[in-house]
Amino acid sequence: MKKRAKDSKPRKRTNYDCSKCPGYCCSVYELVVVTKRDVARLARHFQISEDEAVRKFTKMHSGDRVLRRKADPVLGDACRFLDLEKRRCTIYNARPEVCRGYPIESRCTFYDMLQFHRRYDEEDTLPLVTLTKWKRS
């Protein structure tokens, strides 16, 4: 049995499998905010300048720099870095910090929803998900 280094954190046990998901998190979250550090990581990944990375991959939205999106025939639209056939991130090692931390918990709500749906419906259908702001009464 391997011993863990004293300073290392225990690994969070995950209860989801991204390889069995169509990329909900890449589609549902329309605004993926990126930091200067994220832009620098993208620039290194593509071997371009940070200014070029900003122009090619981001836009401004309500004062925040966000990743650009593209049309997605399955879920409407998605992060520009989602491979639409494999449903995987094409820049996984260079992805923004917010994507690196998702999901925060050991469970993924989208994966749980997909698993529930597949138990009671056909394997080749997907529940559509849209995040909408609403006010509680």
Protein backbone atom coordinates (compact mmCIF):
# COMPACT_ATOMS: atom_id res chain seq x y z
CA MET A 1 0.00 0.00 0.00
CA LYS A 2 1.40 3.42 -0.97
CA LYS A 3 1.81 6.00 1.73
CA ARG A 4 0.64 9.54 1.14
CA ALA A 5 3.01 12.43 1.69
CA LYS A 6 2.23 14.31 4.91
CA ASP A 7 1.43 17.54 3.06
CA SER A 8 -0.75 16.03 0.34
CA LYS A 9 -4.50 16.29 0.56
CA PRO A 10 -6.58 13.12 0.35
CA ARG A 11 -8.07 12.65 -3.09
CA LYS A 12 -11.74 13.45 -3.35
CA ARG A 13 -13.71 10.33 -4.26
CA THR A 14 -15.74 10.99 -7.36
CA ASN A 15 -19.20 9.63 -8.04
CA TYR A 16 -19.41 10.46 -11.73
CA ASP A 17 -17.83 9.44 -15.02
CA CYS A 18 -17.22 12.29 -17.47
CA SER A 19 -16.57 9.80 -20.28
CA LYS A 20 -20.25 8.84 -20.16
CA CYS A 21 -21.56 12.43 -20.30
CA PRO A 22 -22.29 14.48 -23.44
CA GLY A 23 -20.49 17.52 -22.03
CA TYR A 24 -23.31 19.20 -20.16
CA CYS A 25 -20.99 21.48 -18.17
CA CYS A 26 -19.42 22.68 -21.46
CA SER A 27 -22.86 23.52 -22.84
CA VAL A 28 -25.02 24.66 -19.94
CA TYR A 29 -22.62 27.22 -18.46
CA GLU A 30 -22.76 29.93 -21.09
CA LEU A 31 -20.31 32.24 -19.34
CA VAL A 32 -16.97 30.66 -18.55
CA VAL A 33 -15.01 33.50 -16.99
CA VAL A 34 -11.29 33.41 -17.68
CA THR A 35 -8.48 35.10 -15.76
CA LYS A 36 -5.18 36.50 -17.03
CA ARG A 37 -3.58 33.30 -15.83
CA ASP A 38 -6.08 31.24 -17.86
CA VAL A 39 -5.32 33.31 -20.98
CA ALA A 40 -1.58 32.82 -20.43
CA ARG A 41 -2.14 29.05 -20.14
CA LEU A 42 -4.13 29.04 -23.41
CA ALA A 43 -1.44 31.10 -25.14
CA ARG A 44 1.27 28.64 -24.06
CA HIS A 45 -0.87 25.70 -25.14
CA PHE A 46 -1.39 27.10 -28.65
CA GLN A 47 2.07 28.71 -28.80
CA ILE A 48 0.67 32.16 -29.53
CA SER A 49 0.86 35.52 -27.77
CA GLU A 50 -1.49 36.32 -24.92
CA ASP A 51 -2.98 39.16 -27.00
CA GLU A 52 -3.75 36.72 -29.80
CA ALA A 53 -5.27 34.25 -27.31
CA VAL A 54 -7.52 37.01 -25.99
CA ARG A 55 -8.68 37.92 -29.52
CA LYS A 56 -9.18 34.34 -30.74
CA PHE A 57 -10.66 32.63 -27.72
CA THR A 58 -12.40 35.21 -25.52
CA LYS A 59 -14.85 38.10 -25.53
CA MET A 60 -16.12 40.59 -22.99
CA HIS A 61 -19.51 40.11 -21.32
CA SER A 62 -20.78 42.54 -18.67
CA GLY A 63 -17.24 43.49 -17.71
CA ASP A 64 -15.94 39.90 -17.53
CA ARG A 65 -13.66 38.14 -20.00
CA VAL A 66 -15.34 34.87 -21.04
CA LEU A 67 -14.58 32.04 -23.45
CA ARG A 68 -16.19 32.18 -26.88
CA ARG A 69 -18.84 29.61 -27.80
CA LYS A 70 -19.85 27.68 -30.90
CA ALA A 71 -22.97 25.99 -32.27
CA ASP A 72 -23.59 22.49 -30.94
CA PRO A 73 -26.05 20.27 -32.84
CA VAL A 74 -26.74 18.21 -29.70
CA LEU A 75 -27.17 20.78 -26.91
CA GLY A 76 -27.58 24.08 -28.81
CA ASP A 77 -24.25 25.74 -28.18
CA ALA A 78 -21.08 24.91 -26.27
CA CYS A 79 -17.63 26.02 -25.28
CA ARG A 80 -15.53 26.53 -28.40
CA PHE A 81 -13.10 23.90 -27.08
CA LEU A 82 -15.59 21.04 -26.81
CA ASP A 83 -14.97 18.33 -29.43
CA LEU A 84 -18.50 17.92 -30.79
CA GLU A 85 -18.00 14.30 -31.89
CA LYS A 86 -16.09 12.87 -28.91
CA ARG A 87 -17.85 15.25 -26.45
CA ARG A 88 -14.53 15.93 -24.70
CA CYS A 89 -12.46 19.02 -23.93
CA THR A 90 -9.81 19.64 -26.58
CA ILE A 91 -7.68 21.73 -24.21
CA TYR A 92 -8.03 19.62 -21.07
CA ASN A 93 -4.48 20.33 -19.80
CA ALA A 94 -4.86 24.04 -20.57
CA ARG A 95 -8.49 24.48 -19.47
CA PRO A 96 -9.48 27.49 -17.33
CA GLU A 97 -9.30 27.32 -13.55
CA VAL A 98 -13.09 27.31 -13.20
CA CYS A 99 -13.26 24.15 -15.32
CA ARG A 100 -10.43 22.54 -13.33
CA GLY A 101 -12.44 22.93 -10.15
CA TYR A 102 -15.72 21.57 -11.51
CA PRO A 103 -17.61 19.95 -9.95
CA ILE A 104 -16.85 21.30 -6.50
CA GLU A 105 -18.45 18.33 -4.77
CA SER A 106 -17.77 14.62 -5.26
CA ARG A 107 -20.98 14.36 -7.29
CA CYS A 108 -21.92 15.98 -10.58
CA THR A 109 -25.56 17.01 -10.76
CA PHE A 110 -25.61 16.66 -14.55
CA TYR A 111 -24.22 13.12 -14.37
CA ASP A 112 -26.75 12.17 -11.69
CA MET A 113 -29.57 13.54 -13.87
CA LEU A 114 -28.26 11.63 -16.91
CA GLN A 115 -28.00 8.38 -14.93
CA PHE A 116 -31.55 8.82 -13.60
CA HIS A 117 -32.84 9.53 -17.10
CA ARG A 118 -31.08 6.47 -18.56
CA ARG A 119 -32.65 4.21 -15.94
CA TYR A 120 -36.14 5.17 -17.10
CA ASP A 121 -35.74 6.09 -20.76
CA GLU A 122 -33.86 5.10 -23.89
CA GLU A 123 -30.05 5.12 -23.91
CA ASP A 124 -29.86 7.31 -27.02
CA THR A 125 -31.92 10.25 -25.75
CA LEU A 126 -30.67 13.15 -23.66
CA PRO A 127 -32.52 15.35 -21.19
CA LEU A 128 -32.07 18.97 -22.25
CA VAL A 129 -30.89 21.35 -19.58
CA THR A 130 -30.97 25.14 -19.51
CA LEU A 131 -29.95 27.34 -16.62
CA THR A 132 -32.42 30.18 -16.16
CA LYS A 133 -32.47 32.97 -13.59
CA TRP A 134 -35.69 33.26 -11.66
CA LYS A 135 -36.94 35.08 -8.59
CA ARG A 136 -38.48 33.22 -5.70
CA SER A 137 -41.83 34.57 -4.59
